Every structure is written in structure tokens, then in C-alpha cells.
């Protein structure tokens, strides 16, 4: 703390220590993930707030733990990359995450940003509906990178279903 005993002859490091102790530190407020999400990877969205307001792009990644999304061509930042093997290093431009509240889905009929409602159709399927036009917003199809499939070390399904243990009578 800065006290009356500090004078002009007090060393600079003591002044610095006293001043930094007075600074208010930012509270680390935990982020509570949203329970329901209206956007998924591959959706076409428009930025409705921030420096890139009005820019449209596809969602490249959804970060549900931090309530953020990465949108194509939005919030471009420079990252320094080391060269590894044949890949040359340098400064590359990549997208940074933005808050999911700053994006809105594009209405397929009008091409304008819209709010979304979730409803069930007569056959029981859940769909997203644009509030402005009432049009159904289809979920984009993308191939997931699941590890389900035959790898060289995976056990064959036939071997798994084969009965190998018979208890004694």
C-alpha cells in the first residue's frame, strides 16, 4: 500500500509494488454453458454485433463449454506458427471465436438474420423454424470424424459376437 512513509528517496521497485497492489483485479467469473443451441457446425449465420457486424459466413466450429463459435472470415487474428518439417512457419491469419449471442441464423427464404423456434412436425421430427418467414431451416449435413469403423487394431464384429465361454453343467 502507498503510505505516508514513502518519500522521493524511496526506491522505484517499492513504488511499483505499492501501486500494483492497489489495482483492482478482474474477477474470474465462470462461464455457464447454454443448455439449448440453435446453431450447429455448417450453418450460415450473420454477425449481428461487434466489429464484424453484418458479415455472413459458415460456422466452422462450435465451442459449447465457452458459449462461442468460430465463423468463417470473422474476427481474423494473426498467429505465429513455427516451421515443422516441410511446413513453412511464419505469420498466418486464422479465425478467432466469437460469442454465440453475436450471431443469428440466416432465413433461407429472405436471406436476412432471424430468430429460431424449435418445433415438432407431425411425424415427430424436431425442426428449426425461422420466426420471420416460418420456413424450416435444415440442419447441414457434415461427416463426423468418429472413430467408429474398421481400423487395423479393431476387433471384428463377428469375433465379438462369438460365444467363447460355456459354463460347466
Protein backbone atom coordinates (compact mmCIF):
# COMPACT_ATOMS: atom_id res chain seq x y z
CA UNK A 1 0.00 0.00 0.00
CA UNK A 2 1.08 3.52 -0.61
CA UNK A 3 1.78 5.06 2.74
CA UNK A 4 2.85 8.42 4.09
CA UNK A 5 6.27 6.99 4.93
CA UNK A 6 7.17 6.72 1.23
CA UNK A 7 9.17 9.68 0.09
CA UNK A 8 11.01 10.79 -3.00
CA UNK A 9 14.03 8.76 -1.88
CA UNK A 10 12.00 5.51 -1.78
CA UNK A 11 13.32 3.01 -4.39
CA UNK A 12 11.27 2.67 -7.58
CA UNK A 13 10.56 -1.02 -7.05
CA UNK A 14 8.74 -0.23 -3.79
CA UNK A 15 6.56 2.35 -5.54
CA UNK A 16 5.75 -0.14 -8.29
CA UNK A 17 4.90 -2.84 -5.76
CA UNK A 18 2.63 -0.45 -3.84
CA UNK A 19 0.83 0.81 -6.95
CA UNK A 20 0.21 -2.66 -8.40
CA UNK A 21 -1.28 -3.77 -5.07
CA UNK A 22 -3.90 -1.01 -5.41
CA UNK A 23 -5.08 -2.14 -8.87
CA UNK A 24 -8.41 -3.91 -8.93
CA UNK A 25 -8.02 -7.38 -10.38
CA UNK A 26 -10.60 -8.72 -12.78
CA UNK A 27 -12.93 -11.35 -11.32
CA UNK A 28 -12.72 -14.73 -12.97
CA UNK A 29 -16.42 -15.37 -13.44
CA UNK A 30 -17.05 -18.94 -14.64
CA UNK A 31 -18.89 -19.35 -17.94
CA UNK A 32 -22.14 -21.29 -17.65
CA UNK A 33 -22.72 -23.28 -20.88
CA UNK A 34 -26.07 -22.82 -22.61
CA UNK A 35 -28.47 -25.72 -22.41
CA UNK A 36 -30.08 -25.28 -25.83
CA UNK A 37 -28.26 -24.34 -29.02
CA UNK A 38 -29.86 -23.18 -32.25
CA UNK A 39 -26.65 -23.22 -34.29
CA UNK A 40 -24.58 -26.18 -35.41
CA UNK A 41 -21.42 -26.61 -37.43
CA UNK A 42 -22.01 -25.70 -41.09
CA UNK A 43 -24.90 -23.25 -40.51
CA UNK A 44 -24.91 -19.98 -42.43
CA UNK A 45 -25.01 -17.11 -39.93
CA UNK A 46 -24.68 -13.34 -39.86
CA UNK A 47 -22.79 -11.39 -37.20
CA UNK A 48 -25.27 -9.04 -35.50
CA UNK A 49 -22.90 -7.32 -33.03
CA UNK A 50 -19.24 -6.42 -32.74
CA UNK A 51 -16.54 -5.18 -35.07
CA UNK A 52 -17.57 -7.55 -37.89
CA UNK A 53 -21.28 -6.65 -37.75
CA UNK A 54 -23.12 -7.56 -40.95
CA UNK A 55 -20.63 -10.18 -42.16
CA UNK A 56 -22.07 -13.56 -43.16
CA UNK A 57 -20.25 -16.86 -43.06
CA UNK A 58 -20.47 -20.53 -42.21
CA UNK A 59 -19.81 -21.86 -38.73
CA UNK A 60 -16.54 -23.77 -38.70
CA UNK A 61 -16.54 -24.85 -35.06
CA UNK A 62 -18.87 -24.73 -32.05
CA UNK A 63 -17.30 -24.36 -28.59
CA UNK A 64 -20.16 -25.29 -26.26
CA UNK A 65 -18.19 -25.06 -23.00
CA UNK A 66 -17.39 -21.37 -23.54
CA UNK A 67 -20.58 -20.36 -25.46
CA UNK A 68 -18.57 -19.39 -28.54
CA UNK A 69 -18.49 -20.19 -32.25
CA UNK A 70 -15.85 -19.81 -34.96
CA UNK A 71 -17.30 -18.22 -38.09
CA UNK A 72 -15.58 -18.29 -41.47
CA UNK A 73 -13.89 -14.96 -42.23
CA UNK A 74 -14.89 -13.27 -38.95
CA UNK A 75 -12.51 -11.93 -36.26
CA UNK A 76 -9.33 -12.71 -38.15
CA UNK A 77 -6.22 -12.76 -35.95
CA UNK A 78 -2.55 -13.25 -36.76
CA UNK A 79 -0.90 -16.30 -35.25
CA UNK A 80 2.81 -17.04 -35.30
CA UNK A 81 3.48 -20.61 -36.47
CA UNK A 82 6.77 -22.45 -36.18
CA UNK A 83 8.07 -24.38 -39.14
CA UNK A 84 7.75 -28.12 -38.65
CA UNK A 85 9.38 -30.39 -41.19
CA UNK A 86 8.17 -29.45 -44.66
CA UNK A 87 5.55 -26.99 -43.38
CA UNK A 88 6.93 -23.47 -43.53
CA UNK A 89 6.39 -21.26 -40.50
CA UNK A 90 5.51 -17.61 -40.33
CA UNK A 91 2.51 -15.43 -39.58
CA UNK A 92 -0.84 -16.93 -40.55
CA UNK A 93 -4.32 -15.40 -40.42
CA UNK A 94 -6.93 -17.54 -38.64
CA UNK A 95 -10.41 -17.06 -37.24
CA UNK A 96 -10.92 -16.50 -33.51
CA UNK A 97 -14.05 -17.49 -31.58
CA UNK A 98 -16.89 -15.02 -31.02
CA UNK A 99 -19.82 -15.19 -28.62
CA UNK A 100 -22.78 -17.21 -29.87
CA UNK A 101 -25.09 -14.36 -28.84
CA UNK A 102 -23.44 -12.18 -31.51
CA UNK A 103 -24.59 -14.36 -34.43
CA UNK A 104 -28.01 -15.07 -35.92
CA UNK A 105 -29.08 -17.76 -38.36
CA UNK A 106 -29.91 -16.70 -41.92
CA UNK A 107 -33.50 -17.17 -43.04
CA UNK A 108 -33.44 -19.48 -46.11
CA UNK A 109 -36.26 -17.57 -47.84
CA UNK A 110 -35.37 -13.91 -47.25
CA UNK A 111 -31.63 -14.17 -46.62
CA UNK A 112 -31.91 -11.97 -43.50
CA UNK A 113 -30.92 -12.85 -39.94
CA UNK A 114 -33.76 -14.34 -37.92
CA UNK A 115 -34.61 -15.81 -34.55
CA UNK A 116 -35.27 -19.53 -34.34
CA UNK A 117 -38.03 -21.67 -32.86
CA UNK A 118 -37.84 -25.41 -32.35
CA UNK A 119 -40.98 -27.37 -33.18
CA UNK A 120 -42.00 -30.96 -33.79
CA UNK A 121 -43.56 -31.97 -37.10
CA UNK A 122 -46.49 -34.38 -37.41
CA UNK A 123 -44.13 -37.32 -37.93
CA UNK A 124 -42.27 -36.48 -34.68
CA UNK A 125 -39.08 -34.98 -36.10
CA UNK A 126 -37.68 -31.87 -34.42
CA UNK A 127 -37.01 -28.97 -36.81
CA UNK A 128 -35.80 -25.38 -36.58
CA UNK A 129 -38.24 -22.77 -37.87
CA UNK A 130 -37.42 -19.15 -38.78
CA UNK A 131 -39.62 -16.71 -36.87
CA UNK A 132 -39.72 -14.12 -39.66
CA UNK A 133 -40.93 -16.31 -42.50
CA UNK A 134 -41.96 -19.58 -40.85
CA UNK A 135 -39.63 -21.54 -43.15
CA UNK A 136 -37.90 -24.69 -41.95
CA UNK A 137 -34.14 -24.22 -41.50
CA UNK A 138 -32.50 -27.52 -42.41
CA UNK A 139 -29.55 -28.77 -40.38
CA UNK A 140 -26.43 -29.00 -42.54
CA UNK A 141 -25.05 -32.44 -43.20
CA UNK A 142 -21.41 -32.93 -42.43
CA UNK A 143 -19.35 -36.03 -41.95
CA UNK A 144 -18.31 -36.50 -38.34
CA UNK A 145 -14.83 -37.70 -37.55
CA UNK A 146 -15.92 -40.56 -35.33
CA UNK A 147 -13.57 -43.42 -34.74
CA UNK A 148 -16.36 -45.84 -35.48
CA UNK A 149 -15.23 -48.01 -38.31
CA UNK A 150 -12.71 -50.67 -39.07
CA UNK A 151 -9.22 -49.81 -38.01
CA UNK A 152 -6.24 -52.16 -38.23
CA UNK A 153 -6.38 -52.91 -34.48
CA UNK A 154 -10.16 -53.08 -34.09
CA UNK A 155 -11.83 -56.36 -33.22
CA UNK A 156 -14.09 -57.70 -35.96
CA UNK A 157 -17.84 -57.74 -35.11
CA UNK A 158 -18.02 -61.50 -35.79
CA UNK A 159 -15.32 -62.17 -33.18
CA UNK A 160 -17.16 -60.06 -30.61
CA UNK A 161 -20.46 -61.93 -31.07
CA UNK A 162 -18.82 -65.39 -30.97
CA UNK A 163 -19.63 -67.31 -27.77
CA UNK A 164 -16.35 -68.47 -26.24
CA UNK A 165 -17.40 -69.40 -22.72
CA UNK A 166 -19.68 -72.29 -21.88
CA UNK A 167 -20.25 -72.90 -18.16
CA UNK A 168 -19.88 -76.44 -16.78
CA UNK A 169 -23.18 -78.28 -16.16
